[in-house]
């Protein structure tokens, strides 16, 4: 990527010709994509939260460096001093950002150490998705400006402004999606906790009065507990759907779940144990309350 940006810089200031620039650009892309497997392995080796946070910092620094050029070109465009070469250089950087940001974000965030990182996850994922969306749409706008700003200035300006409005909408969408998912998850987790408490109370009463149960209606008591168990299981099924829903995008190929699959499986085991035995409700309730607290900060019933 540094090679690609170097070629763009050389062409922008007239130090080399266009063919050499294209050679440097594609050569840099080949080198970058050849290194992607090693980068992926490095980012996926998340054993400690400190390592993960350090990689987030390094990735954010890289992302900032990558977007400095397009931001500079945007300032020049506002001042009316941008030319075709400036827009062309910005297009290259924005295309690279729109490709690498989702990949790196997925590799870093898909194996969070534990659910206590959920607060950081819900903050970071929408931001990265918004950056990728804006970078991709802005790359198209910059390409149109580079290609048609001299020959067709009015239509090029109109198209670029339309795309920038679309970029603003695309930047807002991940945050609205996150708020809506947190609101729904908050409501469903509350229902699950209430169902578990109701079930635990019924199970405790049933266990404390075994003689009365057997003499005055064991079928009625067993049926009551079974009904409440089924209600708790249905509530968990709804909560599990929320936890397995992608936060930043509706496309599951590029989106990331509310919680990693390993954490969902571990939480499911705790919840099922709590439904089967009232003495085992503690671990499940602690985890659910922690998720509830994170979602409470993002509740928006109008999202």
C-alpha atoms as a PDB file:
ATOM      1  CA  UNK A   1       0.000   0.000   0.000  1.00  0.00           C
ATOM      2  CA  UNK A   2       2.899   2.327   0.704  1.00  0.00           C
ATOM      3  CA  UNK A   3       4.227   1.523  -2.789  1.00  0.00           C
ATOM      4  CA  UNK A   4       0.839   2.362  -4.330  1.00  0.00           C
ATOM      5  CA  UNK A   5       0.600   5.654  -2.471  1.00  0.00           C
ATOM      6  CA  UNK A   6       4.198   6.468  -3.411  1.00  0.00           C
ATOM      7  CA  UNK A   7       3.373   5.974  -7.090  1.00  0.00           C
ATOM      8  CA  UNK A   8       0.340   8.223  -6.787  1.00  0.00           C
ATOM      9  CA  UNK A   9       2.407  10.920  -5.092  1.00  0.00           C
ATOM     10  CA  UNK A  10       5.107  10.763  -7.758  1.00  0.00           C
ATOM     11  CA  UNK A  11       2.527  11.128 -10.526  1.00  0.00           C
ATOM     12  CA  UNK A  12       0.679  13.930  -8.763  1.00  0.00           C
ATOM     13  CA  UNK A  13       3.794  16.077  -8.573  1.00  0.00           C
ATOM     14  CA  UNK A  14       4.980  15.194 -12.072  1.00  0.00           C
ATOM     15  CA  UNK A  15       7.999  13.096 -11.110  1.00  0.00           C
ATOM     16  CA  UNK A  16       7.000  10.126 -13.263  1.00  0.00           C
ATOM     17  CA  UNK A  17       4.618   9.203 -16.064  1.00  0.00           C
ATOM     18  CA  UNK A  18       1.195   7.556 -15.839  1.00  0.00           C
ATOM     19  CA  UNK A  19       2.367   4.067 -16.864  1.00  0.00           C
ATOM     20  CA  UNK A  20       4.953   3.968 -14.104  1.00  0.00           C
ATOM     21  CA  UNK A  21       2.298   5.124 -11.658  1.00  0.00           C
ATOM     22  CA  UNK A  22      -0.051   2.309 -12.668  1.00  0.00           C
ATOM     23  CA  UNK A  23       2.792  -0.205 -12.394  1.00  0.00           C
ATOM     24  CA  UNK A  24       3.627   0.980  -8.877  1.00  0.00           C
ATOM     25  CA  UNK A  25      -0.037   0.993  -7.896  1.00  0.00           C
ATOM     26  CA  UNK A  26      -0.799  -2.560  -9.029  1.00  0.00           C
ATOM     27  CA  UNK A  27       2.584  -3.798  -7.824  1.00  0.00           C
ATOM     28  CA  UNK A  28       1.800  -2.421  -4.380  1.00  0.00           C
ATOM     29  CA  UNK A  29      -1.610  -4.085  -4.409  1.00  0.00           C
ATOM     30  CA  UNK A  30      -0.065  -7.438  -5.352  1.00  0.00           C
ATOM     31  CA  UNK A  31       2.426  -7.187  -2.498  1.00  0.00           C
ATOM     32  CA  UNK A  32      -0.319  -6.123  -0.078  1.00  0.00           C
ATOM     33  CA  UNK A  33      -2.686  -8.955  -0.968  1.00  0.00           C
ATOM     34  CA  UNK A  34       0.188 -11.447  -0.844  1.00  0.00           C
ATOM     35  CA  UNK A  35       0.759 -10.432   2.766  1.00  0.00           C
ATOM     36  CA  UNK A  36      -2.920 -10.662   3.745  1.00  0.00           C
ATOM     37  CA  UNK A  37      -2.742 -14.316   4.986  1.00  0.00           C
ATOM     38  CA  UNK A  38       0.082 -13.420   7.363  1.00  0.00           C
ATOM     39  CA  UNK A  39      -1.735 -10.292   8.532  1.00  0.00           C
ATOM     40  CA  UNK A  40      -4.917 -12.335   9.063  1.00  0.00           C
ATOM     41  CA  UNK A  41      -3.047 -14.909  11.160  1.00  0.00           C
ATOM     42  CA  UNK A  42      -1.501 -12.156  13.255  1.00  0.00           C
ATOM     43  CA  UNK A  43      -4.808 -10.400  13.889  1.00  0.00           C
ATOM     44  CA  UNK A  44      -6.712 -13.593  14.671  1.00  0.00           C
ATOM     45  CA  UNK A  45      -4.254 -14.690  17.384  1.00  0.00           C
ATOM     46  CA  UNK A  46      -6.156 -12.932  20.128  1.00  0.00           C
ATOM     47  CA  UNK A  47      -5.193 -14.462  23.478  1.00  0.00           C
ATOM     48  CA  UNK A  48      -5.242 -11.397  25.705  1.00  0.00           C
ATOM     49  CA  UNK A  49      -7.441  -8.338  25.690  1.00  0.00           C
ATOM     50  CA  UNK A  50      -4.332  -6.133  25.922  1.00  0.00           C
ATOM     51  CA  UNK A  51      -3.007  -7.590  22.669  1.00  0.00           C
ATOM     52  CA  UNK A  52      -6.351  -7.083  20.990  1.00  0.00           C
ATOM     53  CA  UNK A  53      -6.595  -3.470  22.136  1.00  0.00           C
ATOM     54  CA  UNK A  54      -3.025  -2.849  20.975  1.00  0.00           C
ATOM     55  CA  UNK A  55      -3.881  -4.185  17.514  1.00  0.00           C
ATOM     56  CA  UNK A  56      -6.947  -1.973  17.413  1.00  0.00           C
ATOM     57  CA  UNK A  57      -4.727   1.033  18.121  1.00  0.00           C
ATOM     58  CA  UNK A  58      -2.263   0.057  15.379  1.00  0.00           C
ATOM     59  CA  UNK A  59      -5.065  -0.557  12.900  1.00  0.00           C
ATOM     60  CA  UNK A  60      -6.701   2.773  13.744  1.00  0.00           C
ATOM     61  CA  UNK A  61      -3.369   4.530  13.203  1.00  0.00           C
ATOM     62  CA  UNK A  62      -2.954   2.809   9.833  1.00  0.00           C
ATOM     63  CA  UNK A  63      -6.492   3.719   8.871  1.00  0.00           C
ATOM     64  CA  UNK A  64      -5.928   7.357   9.827  1.00  0.00           C
ATOM     65  CA  UNK A  65      -2.726   7.482   7.776  1.00  0.00           C
ATOM     66  CA  UNK A  66      -4.535   5.963   4.803  1.00  0.00           C
ATOM     67  CA  UNK A  67      -7.333   8.546   4.937  1.00  0.00           C
ATOM     68  CA  UNK A  68      -5.152  11.629   5.432  1.00  0.00           C
ATOM     69  CA  UNK A  69      -4.659  11.976   1.670  1.00  0.00           C
ATOM     70  CA  UNK A  70      -8.388  11.914   0.782  1.00  0.00           C
ATOM     71  CA  UNK A  71      -9.141  14.350   3.612  1.00  0.00           C
ATOM     72  CA  UNK A  72      -6.471  16.694   2.248  1.00  0.00           C
ATOM     73  CA  UNK A  73      -7.979  16.422  -1.239  1.00  0.00           C
ATOM     74  CA  UNK A  74     -11.453  17.133   0.200  1.00  0.00           C
ATOM     75  CA  UNK A  75     -10.094  20.321   1.781  1.00  0.00           C
ATOM     76  CA  UNK A  76      -8.557  21.321  -1.551  1.00  0.00           C
ATOM     77  CA  UNK A  77     -11.890  20.653  -3.270  1.00  0.00           C
ATOM     78  CA  UNK A  78     -13.666  22.934  -0.808  1.00  0.00           C
ATOM     79  CA  UNK A  79     -11.115  25.646  -1.551  1.00  0.00           C
ATOM     80  CA  UNK A  80     -11.466  25.063  -5.315  1.00  0.00           C
ATOM     81  CA  UNK A  81      -7.801  24.122  -5.821  1.00  0.00           C
ATOM     82  CA  UNK A  82      -8.191  20.381  -6.430  1.00  0.00           C
ATOM     83  CA  UNK A  83      -7.366  19.015  -9.892  1.00  0.00           C
ATOM     84  CA  UNK A  84      -7.734  15.675 -11.681  1.00  0.00           C
ATOM     85  CA  UNK A  85      -4.522  14.202 -10.302  1.00  0.00           C
ATOM     86  CA  UNK A  86      -5.609  15.032  -6.760  1.00  0.00           C
ATOM     87  CA  UNK A  87      -8.925  13.260  -7.267  1.00  0.00           C
ATOM     88  CA  UNK A  88      -7.148  10.302  -8.859  1.00  0.00           C
ATOM     89  CA  UNK A  89      -4.806   9.937  -5.892  1.00  0.00           C
ATOM     90  CA  UNK A  90      -7.751  10.145  -3.486  1.00  0.00           C
ATOM     91  CA  UNK A  91      -9.585   7.442  -5.446  1.00  0.00           C
ATOM     92  CA  UNK A  92      -6.747   4.966  -4.966  1.00  0.00           C
ATOM     93  CA  UNK A  93      -6.524   5.572  -1.220  1.00  0.00           C
ATOM     94  CA  UNK A  94     -10.299   5.363  -0.755  1.00  0.00           C
ATOM     95  CA  UNK A  95     -10.543   2.100  -2.690  1.00  0.00           C
ATOM     96  CA  UNK A  96      -7.801   0.571  -0.537  1.00  0.00           C
ATOM     97  CA  UNK A  97      -9.559   1.797   2.619  1.00  0.00           C
ATOM     98  CA  UNK A  98     -12.952   0.430   1.554  1.00  0.00           C
ATOM     99  CA  UNK A  99     -11.376  -3.014   1.023  1.00  0.00           C
ATOM    100  CA  UNK A 100      -9.004  -3.257   3.967  1.00  0.00           C
ATOM    101  CA  UNK A 101     -11.141  -1.702   6.717  1.00  0.00           C
ATOM    102  CA  UNK A 102     -13.864  -4.430   6.655  1.00  0.00           C
ATOM    103  CA  UNK A 103     -11.262  -7.212   6.375  1.00  0.00           C
ATOM    104  CA  UNK A 104      -9.109  -6.018   9.254  1.00  0.00           C
ATOM    105  CA  UNK A 105     -12.168  -5.232  11.382  1.00  0.00           C
ATOM    106  CA  UNK A 106     -13.524  -8.746  10.871  1.00  0.00           C
ATOM    107  CA  UNK A 107     -10.207 -10.398  11.723  1.00  0.00           C
ATOM    108  CA  UNK A 108      -9.776  -8.348  14.889  1.00  0.00           C
ATOM    109  CA  UNK A 109     -13.319  -8.389  16.268  1.00  0.00           C
ATOM    110  CA  UNK A 110     -14.696 -11.824  15.416  1.00  0.00           C
ATOM    111  CA  UNK A 111     -12.825 -13.507  18.300  1.00  0.00           C
ATOM    112  CA  UNK A 112     -13.382 -11.183  21.243  1.00  0.00           C
ATOM    113  CA  UNK A 113     -11.871 -12.539  24.503  1.00  0.00           C
ATOM    114  CA  UNK A 114     -15.160 -12.463  26.456  1.00  0.00           C
ATOM    115  CA  UNK A 115     -18.517 -10.761  26.547  1.00  0.00           C
ATOM    116  CA  UNK A 116     -17.102  -7.996  28.802  1.00  0.00           C
ATOM    117  CA  UNK A 117     -15.576  -6.581  25.603  1.00  0.00           C
ATOM    118  CA  UNK A 118     -19.108  -6.090  24.246  1.00  0.00           C
ATOM    119  CA  UNK A 119     -19.123  -2.381  25.075  1.00  0.00           C
ATOM    120  CA  UNK A 120     -16.010  -1.793  22.980  1.00  0.00           C
ATOM    121  CA  UNK A 121     -17.384  -4.065  20.249  1.00  0.00           C
ATOM    122  CA  UNK A 122     -20.640  -2.098  19.948  1.00  0.00           C
ATOM    123  CA  UNK A 123     -18.710   1.165  19.796  1.00  0.00           C
ATOM    124  CA  UNK A 124     -16.037   0.077  17.331  1.00  0.00           C
ATOM    125  CA  UNK A 125     -17.949  -1.984  14.759  1.00  0.00           C
ATOM    126  CA  UNK A 126     -20.428   0.716  13.633  1.00  0.00           C
ATOM    127  CA  UNK A 127     -17.611   3.245  13.311  1.00  0.00           C
ATOM    128  CA  UNK A 128     -15.542   0.926  11.116  1.00  0.00           C
ATOM    129  CA  UNK A 129     -18.538   0.013   8.959  1.00  0.00           C
ATOM    130  CA  UNK A 130     -19.371   3.708   8.535  1.00  0.00           C
ATOM    131  CA  UNK A 131     -15.767   4.439   7.523  1.00  0.00           C
ATOM    132  CA  UNK A 132     -15.822   1.607   4.969  1.00  0.00           C
ATOM    133  CA  UNK A 133     -19.170   2.714   3.523  1.00  0.00           C
ATOM    134  CA  UNK A 134     -18.125   6.347   3.234  1.00  0.00           C
ATOM    135  CA  UNK A 135     -14.755   5.391   1.741  1.00  0.00           C
ATOM    136  CA  UNK A 136     -16.367   3.195  -0.929  1.00  0.00           C
ATOM    137  CA  UNK A 137     -18.953   5.776  -2.001  1.00  0.00           C
ATOM    138  CA  UNK A 138     -16.415   8.613  -1.820  1.00  0.00           C
ATOM    139  CA  UNK A 139     -14.089   6.586  -4.068  1.00  0.00           C
ATOM    140  CA  UNK A 140     -16.796   6.558  -6.745  1.00  0.00           C
ATOM    141  CA  UNK A 141     -17.327  10.310  -6.298  1.00  0.00           C
ATOM    142  CA  UNK A 142     -13.587  10.974  -6.565  1.00  0.00           C
ATOM    143  CA  UNK A 143     -13.350   8.794  -9.673  1.00  0.00           C
ATOM    144  CA  UNK A 144     -16.175  10.742 -11.340  1.00  0.00           C
ATOM    145  CA  UNK A 145     -14.497  14.007 -10.402  1.00  0.00           C
ATOM    146  CA  UNK A 146     -11.136  12.800 -11.772  1.00  0.00           C
ATOM    147  CA  UNK A 147     -12.658  11.536 -15.008  1.00  0.00           C
ATOM    148  CA  UNK A 148     -15.263  14.155 -15.860  1.00  0.00           C
ATOM    149  CA  UNK A 149     -14.528  17.337 -13.880  1.00  0.00           C
ATOM    150  CA  UNK A 150     -12.789  18.991 -16.835  1.00  0.00           C
ATOM    151  CA  UNK A 151     -14.960  17.779 -19.714  1.00  0.00           C
ATOM    152  CA  UNK A 152     -18.363  17.770 -17.953  1.00  0.00           C
ATOM    153  CA  UNK A 153     -17.984  19.897 -14.811  1.00  0.00           C
ATOM    154  CA  UNK A 154     -21.684  20.484 -14.015  1.00  0.00           C
ATOM    155  CA  UNK A 155     -22.886  16.845 -14.302  1.00  0.00           C
ATOM    156  CA  UNK A 156     -19.768  15.613 -12.502  1.00  0.00           C
ATOM    157  CA  UNK A 157     -20.381  18.023  -9.639  1.00  0.00           C
ATOM    158  CA  UNK A 158     -24.037  17.019  -9.421  1.00  0.00           C
ATOM    159  CA  UNK A 159     -23.192  13.302  -9.382  1.00  0.00           C
ATOM    160  CA  UNK A 160     -20.460  13.804  -6.797  1.00  0.00           C
ATOM    161  CA  UNK A 161     -22.787  15.738  -4.489  1.00  0.00           C
ATOM    162  CA  UNK A 162     -25.466  13.048  -4.841  1.00  0.00           C
ATOM    163  CA  UNK A 163     -22.944  10.376  -3.905  1.00  0.00           C
ATOM    164  CA  UNK A 164     -21.782  12.378  -0.905  1.00  0.00           C
ATOM    165  CA  UNK A 165     -25.369  12.573   0.347  1.00  0.00           C
ATOM    166  CA  UNK A 166     -25.585   8.792  -0.115  1.00  0.00           C
ATOM    167  CA  UNK A 167     -22.349   8.476   1.862  1.00  0.00           C
ATOM    168  CA  UNK A 168     -23.891  10.425   4.739  1.00  0.00           C
ATOM    169  CA  UNK A 169     -26.896   8.072   4.747  1.00  0.00           C
ATOM    170  CA  UNK A 170     -24.609   5.027   4.590  1.00  0.00           C
ATOM    171  CA  UNK A 171     -22.580   6.371   7.526  1.00  0.00           C
ATOM    172  CA  UNK A 172     -25.727   6.771   9.624  1.00  0.00           C
ATOM    173  CA  UNK A 173     -27.099   3.297   8.903  1.00  0.00           C
ATOM    174  CA  UNK A 174     -24.692   1.180  11.047  1.00  0.00           C
ATOM    175  CA  UNK A 175     -25.333   3.330  14.131  1.00  0.00           C
ATOM    176  CA  UNK A 176     -29.115   3.170  13.672  1.00  0.00           C
ATOM    177  CA  UNK A 177     -28.880  -0.591  13.210  1.00  0.00           C
ATOM    178  CA  UNK A 178     -26.830  -0.952  16.397  1.00  0.00           C
ATOM    179  CA  UNK A 179     -29.301   1.113  18.432  1.00  0.00           C
ATOM    180  CA  UNK A 180     -32.256  -0.883  17.093  1.00  0.00           C
ATOM    181  CA  UNK A 181     -30.562  -4.207  17.861  1.00  0.00           C
ATOM    182  CA  UNK A 182     -29.609  -3.081  21.379  1.00  0.00           C
ATOM    183  CA  UNK A 183     -33.152  -1.897  22.048  1.00  0.00           C
ATOM    184  CA  UNK A 184     -34.653  -5.199  20.945  1.00  0.00           C
ATOM    185  CA  UNK A 185     -32.020  -7.206  22.830  1.00  0.00           C
ATOM    186  CA  UNK A 186     -32.660  -5.195  26.004  1.00  0.00           C
ATOM    187  CA  UNK A 187     -36.377  -5.953  25.855  1.00  0.00           C
ATOM    188  CA  UNK A 188     -35.907  -9.659  25.085  1.00  0.00           C
ATOM    189  CA  UNK A 189     -33.262 -10.183  27.777  1.00  0.00           C
ATOM    190  CA  UNK A 190     -35.543  -8.566  30.347  1.00  0.00           C
ATOM    191  CA  UNK A 191     -38.309 -10.992  29.364  1.00  0.00           C
ATOM    192  CA  UNK A 192     -35.888 -13.919  29.648  1.00  0.00           C
ATOM    193  CA  UNK A 193     -34.733 -12.879  33.123  1.00  0.00           C
ATOM    194  CA  UNK A 194     -38.325 -12.536  34.293  1.00  0.00           C
ATOM    195  CA  UNK A 195     -39.210 -15.954  32.894  1.00  0.00           C
ATOM    196  CA  UNK A 196     -36.178 -17.488  34.613  1.00  0.00           C
ATOM    197  CA  UNK A 197     -37.105 -15.869  37.927  1.00  0.00           C
ATOM    198  CA  UNK A 198     -40.680 -17.088  37.621  1.00  0.00           C
ATOM    199  CA  UNK A 199     -39.472 -20.596  36.771  1.00  0.00           C
ATOM    200  CA  UNK A 200     -36.981 -20.597  39.640  1.00  0.00           C
ATOM    201  CA  UNK A 201     -39.702 -19.618  42.099  1.00  0.00           C
ATOM    202  CA  UNK A 202     -42.003 -22.384  40.878  1.00  0.00           C
ATOM    203  CA  UNK A 203     -39.226 -24.978  40.985  1.00  0.00           C
ATOM    204  CA  UNK A 204     -38.253 -23.935  44.516  1.00  0.00           C
ATOM    205  CA  UNK A 205     -41.819 -24.146  45.770  1.00  0.00           C
ATOM    206  CA  UNK A 206     -42.270 -27.507  44.096  1.00  0.00           C
ATOM    207  CA  UNK A 207     -39.093 -28.857  45.744  1.00  0.00           C
ATOM    208  CA  UNK A 208     -39.829 -27.436  49.202  1.00  0.00           C
ATOM    209  CA  UNK A 209     -43.270 -29.112  49.440  1.00  0.00           C
ATOM    210  CA  UNK A 210     -42.789 -32.562  47.918  1.00  0.00           C
ATOM    211  CA  UNK A 211     -45.317 -34.309  50.179  1.00  0.00           C
ATOM    212  CA  UNK A 212     -48.087 -31.892  49.343  1.00  0.00           C
ATOM    213  CA  UNK A 213     -47.276 -32.091  45.677  1.00  0.00           C
ATOM    214  CA  UNK A 214     -47.569 -35.854  45.526  1.00  0.00           C
ATOM    215  CA  UNK A 215     -50.803 -35.926  47.553  1.00  0.00           C
ATOM    216  CA  UNK A 216     -52.681 -32.981  46.079  1.00  0.00           C
ATOM    217  CA  UNK A 217     -51.703 -32.930  42.462  1.00  0.00           C
ATOM    218  CA  UNK A 218     -48.306 -33.789  41.166  1.00  0.00           C
ATOM    219  CA  UNK A 219     -49.572 -33.600  37.546  1.00  0.00           C
ATOM    220  CA  UNK A 220     -50.736 -30.032  38.058  1.00  0.00           C
ATOM    221  CA  UNK A 221     -47.477 -28.915  39.617  1.00  0.00           C
ATOM    222  CA  UNK A 222     -45.323 -30.701  37.044  1.00  0.00           C
ATOM    223  CA  UNK A 223     -47.350 -29.226  34.245  1.00  0.00           C
ATOM    224  CA  UNK A 224     -46.953 -25.721  35.683  1.00  0.00           C
ATOM    225  CA  UNK A 225     -43.180 -26.061  35.884  1.00  0.00           C
ATOM    226  CA  UNK A 226     -42.992 -27.550  32.390  1.00  0.00           C
ATOM    227  CA  UNK A 227     -45.016 -24.664  30.958  1.00  0.00           C
ATOM    228  CA  UNK A 228     -42.715 -22.130  32.586  1.00  0.00           C
ATOM    229  CA  UNK A 229     -39.666 -24.020  31.357  1.00  0.00           C
ATOM    230  CA  UNK A 230     -40.996 -23.878  27.806  1.00  0.00           C
ATOM    231  CA  UNK A 231     -41.659 -20.147  28.196  1.00  0.00           C
ATOM    232  CA  UNK A 232     -38.066 -19.587  29.356  1.00  0.00           C
ATOM    233  CA  UNK A 233     -36.726 -21.672  26.470  1.00  0.00           C
ATOM    234  CA  UNK A 234     -38.766 -19.647  23.975  1.00  0.00           C
ATOM    235  CA  UNK A 235     -37.450 -16.427  25.496  1.00  0.00           C
ATOM    236  CA  UNK A 236     -33.887 -17.717  25.188  1.00  0.00           C
ATOM    237  CA  UNK A 237     -34.469 -18.641  21.541  1.00  0.00           C
ATOM    238  CA  UNK A 238     -35.448 -15.027  20.846  1.00  0.00           C
ATOM    239  CA  UNK A 239     -32.437 -13.678  22.745  1.00  0.00           C
ATOM    240  CA  UNK A 240     -30.135 -16.058  20.887  1.00  0.00           C
ATOM    241  CA  UNK A 241     -31.418 -14.738  17.551  1.00  0.00           C
ATOM    242  CA  UNK A 242     -30.489 -11.230  18.663  1.00  0.00           C
ATOM    243  CA  UNK A 243     -27.031 -12.291  19.808  1.00  0.00           C
ATOM    244  CA  UNK A 244     -26.409 -14.037  16.480  1.00  0.00           C
ATOM    245  CA  UNK A 245     -27.545 -11.015  14.445  1.00  0.00           C
ATOM    246  CA  UNK A 246     -24.803  -8.981  12.787  1.00  0.00           C
ATOM    247  CA  UNK A 247     -24.302  -5.552  14.301  1.00  0.00           C
ATOM    248  CA  UNK A 248     -22.784  -3.481  11.533  1.00  0.00           C
ATOM    249  CA  UNK A 249     -24.349  -4.903   8.372  1.00  0.00           C
ATOM    250  CA  UNK A 250     -27.312  -6.967   7.250  1.00  0.00           C
ATOM    251  CA  UNK A 251     -25.030  -8.979   4.976  1.00  0.00           C
ATOM    252  CA  UNK A 252     -23.761 -11.869   7.063  1.00  0.00           C
ATOM    253  CA  UNK A 253     -20.692 -12.385   4.862  1.00  0.00           C
ATOM    254  CA  UNK A 254     -19.236  -9.030   5.866  1.00  0.00           C
ATOM    255  CA  UNK A 255     -21.169  -8.389   9.090  1.00  0.00           C
ATOM    256  CA  UNK A 256     -20.113  -9.364  12.612  1.00  0.00           C
ATOM    257  CA  UNK A 257     -22.429 -10.881  15.211  1.00  0.00           C
ATOM    258  CA  UNK A 258     -23.584  -9.131  18.354  1.00  0.00           C
ATOM    259  CA  UNK A 259     -21.460 -11.687  20.237  1.00  0.00           C
ATOM    260  CA  UNK A 260     -18.911 -14.181  18.883  1.00  0.00           C
ATOM    261  CA  UNK A 261     -20.314 -17.670  18.349  1.00  0.00           C
ATOM    262  CA  UNK A 262     -18.177 -19.170  21.126  1.00  0.00           C
ATOM    263  CA  UNK A 263     -19.577 -16.702  23.646  1.00  0.00           C
ATOM    264  CA  UNK A 264     -23.140 -17.375  22.503  1.00  0.00           C
ATOM    265  CA  UNK A 265     -22.590 -21.113  22.949  1.00  0.00           C
ATOM    266  CA  UNK A 266     -21.126 -20.618  26.438  1.00  0.00           C
ATOM    267  CA  UNK A 267     -24.006 -18.363  27.462  1.00  0.00           C
ATOM    268  CA  UNK A 268     -26.514 -20.854  26.062  1.00  0.00           C
ATOM    269  CA  UNK A 269     -25.066 -23.616  28.242  1.00  0.00           C
ATOM    270  CA  UNK A 270     -25.442 -21.430  31.341  1.00  0.00           C
ATOM    271  CA  UNK A 271     -29.010 -20.448  30.468  1.00  0.00           C
ATOM    272  CA  UNK A 272     -30.079 -24.043  29.782  1.00  0.00           C
ATOM    273  CA  UNK A 273     -28.517 -25.135  33.066  1.00  0.00           C
ATOM    274  CA  UNK A 274     -30.424 -22.374  34.860  1.00  0.00           C
ATOM    275  CA  UNK A 275     -33.686 -23.478  33.262  1.00  0.00           C
ATOM    276  CA  UNK A 276     -33.094 -27.099  34.283  1.00  0.00           C
ATOM    277  CA  UNK A 277     -31.929 -26.389  37.849  1.00  0.00           C
ATOM    278  CA  UNK A 278     -32.829 -23.292  39.944  1.00  0.00           C
ATOM    279  CA  UNK A 279     -29.549 -23.458  41.888  1.00  0.00           C
ATOM    280  CA  UNK A 280     -27.587 -22.762  38.665  1.00  0.00           C
ATOM    281  CA  UNK A 281     -29.191 -19.423  37.795  1.00  0.00           C
ATOM    282  CA  UNK A 282     -26.316 -17.286  39.134  1.00  0.00           C
ATOM    283  CA  UNK A 283     -23.791 -17.466  36.269  1.00  0.00           C
ATOM    284  CA  UNK A 284     -26.432 -17.058  33.555  1.00  0.00           C
ATOM    285  CA  UNK A 285     -28.078 -14.139  35.334  1.00  0.00           C
ATOM    286  CA  UNK A 286     -24.745 -12.342  35.842  1.00  0.00           C
ATOM    287  CA  UNK A 287     -23.905 -12.602  32.141  1.00  0.00           C
ATOM    288  CA  UNK A 288     -27.374 -11.528  31.055  1.00  0.00           C
ATOM    289  CA  UNK A 289     -27.311  -8.555  33.419  1.00  0.00           C
ATOM    290  CA  UNK A 290     -23.920  -7.504  32.033  1.00  0.00           C
ATOM    291  CA  UNK A 291     -25.245  -7.596  28.460  1.00  0.00           C
ATOM    292  CA  UNK A 292     -28.367  -5.779  29.620  1.00  0.00           C
ATOM    293  CA  UNK A 293     -26.270  -2.958  31.102  1.00  0.00           C
ATOM    294  CA  UNK A 294     -24.360  -2.492  27.845  1.00  0.00           C
ATOM    295  CA  UNK A 295     -27.563  -2.451  25.787  1.00  0.00           C
ATOM    296  CA  UNK A 296     -29.240   0.000  28.195  1.00  0.00           C
ATOM    297  CA  UNK A 297     -26.808   2.738  27.151  1.00  0.00           C
ATOM    298  CA  UNK A 298     -27.978   2.410  23.531  1.00  0.00           C
ATOM    299  CA  UNK A 299     -31.721   1.987  23.954  1.00  0.00           C
ATOM    300  CA  UNK A 300     -33.666   4.012  21.383  1.00  0.00           C
ATOM    301  CA  UNK A 301     -37.301   3.057  20.947  1.00  0.00           C
ATOM    302  CA  UNK A 302     -37.556   5.332  17.892  1.00  0.00           C
ATOM    303  CA  UNK A 303     -34.567   3.857  16.043  1.00  0.00           C
END
